[in-house]
Amino acid sequence: MMSSDEKETNIKQRTPDLINAEIAMKRAAIKAREIAQKTGTAVVISEDEIIREEYPDQASSNR
């Protein structure tokens, strides 16, 4: 079992990776919305454990 110091060190070591992953996910979401806009299709979103479809014409009004 890890001590609390080992856990804290492990979290600090992973933080840059998690930050980069979050940036990549946001970039992918933007790209998905751009593609949806061009093709007139929906983007499927899970928010607060609810799955919904966001259509390009709704996206600008929801932000």
PDB file of N, CA and C in Angstrom:
ATOM      1  N   MET A   1       0.842  -1.172   0.000  1.00  0.00           N
ATOM      2  CA  MET A   1       0.000   0.000   0.000  1.00  0.00           C
ATOM      3  C   MET A   1       0.895   1.245   0.000  1.00  0.00           C
ATOM      4  N   MET A   2       0.479   2.282  -0.750  1.00  0.00           N
ATOM      5  CA  MET A   2       1.264   3.520  -0.837  1.00  0.00           C
ATOM      6  C   MET A   2       0.991   4.414   0.362  1.00  0.00           C
ATOM      7  N   SER A   3       2.041   5.095   0.788  1.00  0.00           N
ATOM      8  CA  SER A   3       1.861   6.094   1.829  1.00  0.00           C
ATOM      9  C   SER A   3       1.268   7.350   1.184  1.00  0.00           C
ATOM     10  N   SER A   4       0.800   8.279   1.995  1.00  0.00           N
ATOM     11  CA  SER A   4       0.205   9.498   1.450  1.00  0.00           C
ATOM     12  C   SER A   4       1.245  10.327   0.699  1.00  0.00           C
ATOM     13  N   ASP A   5       2.512  10.281   1.150  1.00  0.00           N
ATOM     14  CA  ASP A   5       3.578  11.005   0.442  1.00  0.00           C
ATOM     15  C   ASP A   5       3.817  10.408  -0.939  1.00  0.00           C
ATOM     16  N   GLU A   6       3.785   9.085  -1.050  1.00  0.00           N
ATOM     17  CA  GLU A   6       3.978   8.416  -2.340  1.00  0.00           C
ATOM     18  C   GLU A   6       2.827   8.734  -3.284  1.00  0.00           C
ATOM     19  N   LYS A   7       1.605   8.771  -2.753  1.00  0.00           N
ATOM     20  CA  LYS A   7       0.445   9.101  -3.569  1.00  0.00           C
ATOM     21  C   LYS A   7       0.548  10.534  -4.086  1.00  0.00           C
ATOM     22  N   GLU A   8       0.941  11.460  -3.214  1.00  0.00           N
ATOM     23  CA  GLU A   8       1.070  12.864  -3.608  1.00  0.00           C
ATOM     24  C   GLU A   8       2.139  13.022  -4.680  1.00  0.00           C
ATOM     25  N   THR A   9       3.258  12.337  -4.535  1.00  0.00           N
ATOM     26  CA  THR A   9       4.327  12.381  -5.526  1.00  0.00           C
ATOM     27  C   THR A   9       3.838  11.814  -6.851  1.00  0.00           C
ATOM     28  N   ASN A  10       3.112  10.716  -6.811  1.00  0.00           N
ATOM     29  CA  ASN A  10       2.575  10.094  -8.014  1.00  0.00           C
ATOM     30  C   ASN A  10       1.622  11.042  -8.738  1.00  0.00           C
ATOM     31  N   ILE A  11       0.760  11.737  -8.002  1.00  0.00           N
ATOM     32  CA  ILE A  11      -0.183  12.686  -8.602  1.00  0.00           C
ATOM     33  C   ILE A  11       0.574  13.846  -9.238  1.00  0.00           C
ATOM     34  N   LYS A  12       1.580  14.375  -8.562  1.00  0.00           N
ATOM     35  CA  LYS A  12       2.356  15.484  -9.115  1.00  0.00           C
ATOM     36  C   LYS A  12       3.078  15.072 -10.392  1.00  0.00           C
ATOM     37  N   GLN A  13       3.541  13.838 -10.477  1.00  0.00           N
ATOM     38  CA  GLN A  13       4.242  13.365 -11.660  1.00  0.00           C
ATOM     39  C   GLN A  13       3.282  13.212 -12.837  1.00  0.00           C
ATOM     40  N   ARG A  14       2.034  12.888 -12.599  1.00  0.00           N
ATOM     41  CA  ARG A  14       1.055  12.679 -13.664  1.00  0.00           C
ATOM     42  C   ARG A  14       0.403  13.974 -14.116  1.00  0.00           C
ATOM     43  N   THR A  15       0.462  15.009 -13.345  1.00  0.00           N
ATOM     44  CA  THR A  15      -0.258  16.240 -13.649  1.00  0.00           C
ATOM     45  C   THR A  15       0.027  16.791 -15.047  1.00  0.00           C
ATOM     46  N   PRO A  16       1.280  16.889 -15.507  1.00  0.00           N
ATOM     47  CA  PRO A  16       1.498  17.403 -16.869  1.00  0.00           C
ATOM     48  C   PRO A  16       0.816  16.551 -17.935  1.00  0.00           C
ATOM     49  N   ASP A  17       0.805  15.246 -17.761  1.00  0.00           N
ATOM     50  CA  ASP A  17       0.122  14.374 -18.707  1.00  0.00           C
ATOM     51  C   ASP A  17      -1.381  14.640 -18.709  1.00  0.00           C
ATOM     52  N   LEU A  18      -1.937  14.820 -17.524  1.00  0.00           N
ATOM     53  CA  LEU A  18      -3.372  15.083 -17.441  1.00  0.00           C
ATOM     54  C   LEU A  18      -3.720  16.426 -18.060  1.00  0.00           C
ATOM     55  N   ILE A  19      -2.860  17.410 -17.861  1.00  0.00           N
ATOM     56  CA  ILE A  19      -3.081  18.727 -18.464  1.00  0.00           C
ATOM     57  C   ILE A  19      -3.043  18.605 -19.979  1.00  0.00           C
ATOM     58  N   ASN A  20      -2.058  17.897 -20.511  1.00  0.00           N
ATOM     59  CA  ASN A  20      -1.952  17.720 -21.955  1.00  0.00           C
ATOM     60  C   ASN A  20      -3.142  16.934 -22.504  1.00  0.00           C
ATOM     61  N   ALA A  21      -3.613  15.962 -21.746  1.00  0.00           N
ATOM     62  CA  ALA A  21      -4.766  15.182 -22.183  1.00  0.00           C
ATOM     63  C   ALA A  21      -6.013  16.058 -22.245  1.00  0.00           C
ATOM     64  N   GLU A  22      -6.177  16.928 -21.278  1.00  0.00           N
ATOM     65  CA  GLU A  22      -7.334  17.832 -21.271  1.00  0.00           C
ATOM     66  C   GLU A  22      -7.285  18.779 -22.464  1.00  0.00           C
ATOM     67  N   ILE A  23      -6.113  19.300 -22.767  1.00  0.00           N
ATOM     68  CA  ILE A  23      -5.948  20.179 -23.931  1.00  0.00           C
ATOM     69  C   ILE A  23      -6.297  19.431 -25.211  1.00  0.00           C
ATOM     70  N   ALA A  24      -5.827  18.199 -25.329  1.00  0.00           N
ATOM     71  CA  ALA A  24      -6.109  17.389 -26.521  1.00  0.00           C
ATOM     72  C   ALA A  24      -7.599  17.093 -26.645  1.00  0.00           C
ATOM     73  N   MET A  25      -8.271  16.819 -25.530  1.00  0.00           N
ATOM     74  CA  MET A  25      -9.710  16.541 -25.569  1.00  0.00           C
ATOM     75  C   MET A  25     -10.499  17.778 -25.999  1.00  0.00           C
ATOM     76  N   LYS A  26     -10.093  18.942 -25.511  1.00  0.00           N
ATOM     77  CA  LYS A  26     -10.774  20.177 -25.912  1.00  0.00           C
ATOM     78  C   LYS A  26     -10.562  20.455 -27.401  1.00  0.00           C
ATOM     79  N   ARG A  27      -9.350  20.207 -27.879  1.00  0.00           N
ATOM     80  CA  ARG A  27      -9.043  20.395 -29.296  1.00  0.00           C
ATOM     81  C   ARG A  27      -9.874  19.430 -30.153  1.00  0.00           C
ATOM     82  N   ALA A  28     -10.022  18.191 -29.697  1.00  0.00           N
ATOM     83  CA  ALA A  28     -10.819  17.201 -30.418  1.00  0.00           C
ATOM     84  C   ALA A  28     -12.298  17.600 -30.430  1.00  0.00           C
ATOM     85  N   ALA A  29     -12.797  18.159 -29.347  1.00  0.00           N
ATOM     86  CA  ALA A  29     -14.189  18.595 -29.286  1.00  0.00           C
ATOM     87  C   ALA A  29     -14.453  19.730 -30.272  1.00  0.00           C
ATOM     88  N   ILE A  30     -13.510  20.646 -30.363  1.00  0.00           N
ATOM     89  CA  ILE A  30     -13.631  21.747 -31.321  1.00  0.00           C
ATOM     90  C   ILE A  30     -13.656  21.206 -32.740  1.00  0.00           C
ATOM     91  N   LYS A  31     -12.759  20.287 -33.040  1.00  0.00           N
ATOM     92  CA  LYS A  31     -12.686  19.691 -34.375  1.00  0.00           C
ATOM     93  C   LYS A  31     -13.975  18.923 -34.690  1.00  0.00           C
ATOM     94  N   ALA A  32     -14.511  18.197 -33.722  1.00  0.00           N
ATOM     95  CA  ALA A  32     -15.755  17.454 -33.933  1.00  0.00           C
ATOM     96  C   ALA A  32     -16.904  18.403 -34.247  1.00  0.00           C
ATOM     97  N   ARG A  33     -16.956  19.538 -33.555  1.00  0.00           N
ATOM     98  CA  ARG A  33     -18.012  20.518 -33.827  1.00  0.00           C
ATOM     99  C   ARG A  33     -17.840  21.153 -35.210  1.00  0.00           C
ATOM    100  N   GLU A  34     -16.593  21.387 -35.623  1.00  0.00           N
ATOM    101  CA  GLU A  34     -16.337  21.924 -36.965  1.00  0.00           C
ATOM    102  C   GLU A  34     -16.814  20.948 -38.035  1.00  0.00           C
ATOM    103  N   ILE A  35     -16.505  19.678 -37.855  1.00  0.00           N
ATOM    104  CA  ILE A  35     -16.935  18.651 -38.815  1.00  0.00           C
ATOM    105  C   ILE A  35     -18.462  18.541 -38.825  1.00  0.00           C
ATOM    106  N   ALA A  36     -19.080  18.592 -37.655  1.00  0.00           N
ATOM    107  CA  ALA A  36     -20.539  18.531 -37.571  1.00  0.00           C
ATOM    108  C   ALA A  36     -21.168  19.710 -38.299  1.00  0.00           C
ATOM    109  N   GLN A  37     -20.574  20.875 -38.159  1.00  0.00           N
ATOM    110  CA  GLN A  37     -21.076  22.077 -38.833  1.00  0.00           C
ATOM    111  C   GLN A  37     -21.008  21.893 -40.357  1.00  0.00           C
ATOM    112  N   LYS A  38     -19.890  21.371 -40.847  1.00  0.00           N
ATOM    113  CA  LYS A  38     -19.701  21.180 -42.291  1.00  0.00           C
ATOM    114  C   LYS A  38     -20.622  20.116 -42.860  1.00  0.00           C
ATOM    115  N   THR A  39     -20.900  19.081 -42.096  1.00  0.00           N
ATOM    116  CA  THR A  39     -21.684  17.954 -42.600  1.00  0.00           C
ATOM    117  C   THR A  39     -23.147  17.997 -42.176  1.00  0.00           C
ATOM    118  N   GLY A  40     -23.505  18.934 -41.304  1.00  0.00           N
ATOM    119  CA  GLY A  40     -24.884  19.040 -40.847  1.00  0.00           C
ATOM    120  C   GLY A  40     -25.316  17.898 -39.953  1.00  0.00           C
ATOM    121  N   THR A  41     -24.375  17.321 -39.232  1.00  0.00           N
ATOM    122  CA  THR A  41     -24.685  16.215 -38.327  1.00  0.00           C
ATOM    123  C   THR A  41     -24.552  16.661 -36.874  1.00  0.00           C
ATOM    124  N   ALA A  42     -25.007  15.821 -35.979  1.00  0.00           N
ATOM    125  CA  ALA A  42     -24.971  16.138 -34.553  1.00  0.00           C
ATOM    126  C   ALA A  42     -23.679  15.641 -33.914  1.00  0.00           C
ATOM    127  N   VAL A  43     -23.332  16.270 -32.795  1.00  0.00           N
ATOM    128  CA  VAL A  43     -22.255  15.803 -31.942  1.00  0.00           C
ATOM    129  C   VAL A  43     -22.939  15.228 -30.705  1.00  0.00           C
ATOM    130  N   VAL A  44     -22.581  14.003 -30.332  1.00  0.00           N
ATOM    131  CA  VAL A  44     -23.185  13.363 -29.164  1.00  0.00           C
ATOM    132  C   VAL A  44     -22.362  13.737 -27.933  1.00  0.00           C
ATOM    133  N   ILE A  45     -23.062  14.210 -26.910  1.00  0.00           N
ATOM    134  CA  ILE A  45     -22.405  14.719 -25.707  1.00  0.00           C
ATOM    135  C   ILE A  45     -22.987  14.030 -24.482  1.00  0.00           C
ATOM    136  N   SER A  46     -22.116  13.677 -23.544  1.00  0.00           N
ATOM    137  CA  SER A  46     -22.543  13.158 -22.255  1.00  0.00           C
ATOM    138  C   SER A  46     -22.257  14.234 -21.224  1.00  0.00           C
ATOM    139  N   GLU A  47     -23.316  14.718 -20.585  1.00  0.00           N
ATOM    140  CA  GLU A  47     -23.166  15.802 -19.617  1.00  0.00           C
ATOM    141  C   GLU A  47     -24.033  15.493 -18.405  1.00  0.00           C
ATOM    142  N   ASP A  48     -23.435  15.469 -17.231  1.00  0.00           N
ATOM    143  CA  ASP A  48     -24.158  15.130 -15.999  1.00  0.00           C
ATOM    144  C   ASP A  48     -24.898  13.800 -16.138  1.00  0.00           C
ATOM    145  N   GLU A  49     -24.208  12.818 -16.715  1.00  0.00           N
ATOM    146  CA  GLU A  49     -24.728  11.467 -16.908  1.00  0.00           C
ATOM    147  C   GLU A  49     -25.943  11.407 -17.836  1.00  0.00           C
ATOM    148  N   ILE A  50     -26.141  12.451 -18.645  1.00  0.00           N
ATOM    149  CA  ILE A  50     -27.222  12.490 -19.624  1.00  0.00           C
ATOM    150  C   ILE A  50     -26.582  12.579 -21.002  1.00  0.00           C
ATOM    151  N   ILE A  51     -26.995  11.693 -21.900  1.00  0.00           N
ATOM    152  CA  ILE A  51     -26.472  11.702 -23.262  1.00  0.00           C
ATOM    153  C   ILE A  51     -27.437  12.498 -24.128  1.00  0.00           C
ATOM    154  N   ARG A  52     -26.890  13.467 -24.876  1.00  0.00           N
ATOM    155  CA  ARG A  52     -27.735  14.272 -25.754  1.00  0.00           C
ATOM    156  C   ARG A  52     -27.006  14.549 -27.055  1.00  0.00           C
ATOM    157  N   GLU A  53     -27.750  14.986 -28.047  1.00  0.00           N
ATOM    158  CA  GLU A  53     -27.186  15.349 -29.333  1.00  0.00           C
ATOM    159  C   GLU A  53     -27.175  16.870 -29.452  1.00  0.00           C
ATOM    160  N   GLU A  54     -26.050  17.418 -29.888  1.00  0.00           N
ATOM    161  CA  GLU A  54     -25.929  18.856 -30.096  1.00  0.00           C
ATOM    162  C   GLU A  54     -25.788  19.079 -31.603  1.00  0.00           C
ATOM    163  N   TYR A  55     -26.759  19.765 -32.175  1.00  0.00           N
ATOM    164  CA  TYR A  55     -26.718  20.053 -33.609  1.00  0.00           C
ATOM    165  C   TYR A  55     -26.020  21.382 -33.842  1.00  0.00           C
ATOM    166  N   PRO A  56     -25.392  21.553 -35.002  1.00  0.00           N
ATOM    167  CA  PRO A  56     -24.619  22.771 -35.276  1.00  0.00           C
ATOM    168  C   PRO A  56     -25.384  24.074 -35.013  1.00  0.00           C
ATOM    169  N   ASP A  57     -26.651  24.148 -35.364  1.00  0.00           N
ATOM    170  CA  ASP A  57     -27.413  25.377 -35.136  1.00  0.00           C
ATOM    171  C   ASP A  57     -27.696  25.624 -33.660  1.00  0.00           C
ATOM    172  N   GLN A  58     -27.678  24.574 -32.838  1.00  0.00           N
ATOM    173  CA  GLN A  58     -27.882  24.710 -31.392  1.00  0.00           C
ATOM    174  C   GLN A  58     -26.584  25.060 -30.690  1.00  0.00           C
ATOM    175  N   ALA A  59     -25.454  24.680 -31.247  1.00  0.00           N
ATOM    176  CA  ALA A  59     -24.159  24.841 -30.577  1.00  0.00           C
ATOM    177  C   ALA A  59     -23.866  26.305 -30.291  1.00  0.00           C
ATOM    178  N   SER A  60     -24.139  27.177 -31.228  1.00  0.00           N
ATOM    179  CA  SER A  60     -23.826  28.591 -31.012  1.00  0.00           C
ATOM    180  C   SER A  60     -24.727  29.229 -29.967  1.00  0.00           C
ATOM    181  N   SER A  61     -25.959  28.738 -29.842  1.00  0.00           N
ATOM    182  CA  SER A  61     -26.868  29.294 -28.845  1.00  0.00           C
ATOM    183  C   SER A  61     -26.621  28.735 -27.443  1.00  0.00           C
ATOM    184  N   ASN A  62     -25.960  27.552 -27.351  1.00  0.00           N
ATOM    185  CA  ASN A  62     -25.693  26.940 -26.047  1.00  0.00           C
ATOM    186  C   ASN A  62     -24.431  27.456 -25.395  1.00  0.00           C
ATOM    187  N   ARG A  63     -23.570  28.101 -26.123  1.00  0.00           N
ATOM    188  CA  ARG A  63     -22.284  28.520 -25.557  1.00  0.00           C
ATOM    189  C   ARG A  63     -22.353  29.856 -24.921  1.00  0.00           C
TER     190      ARG A  63
END
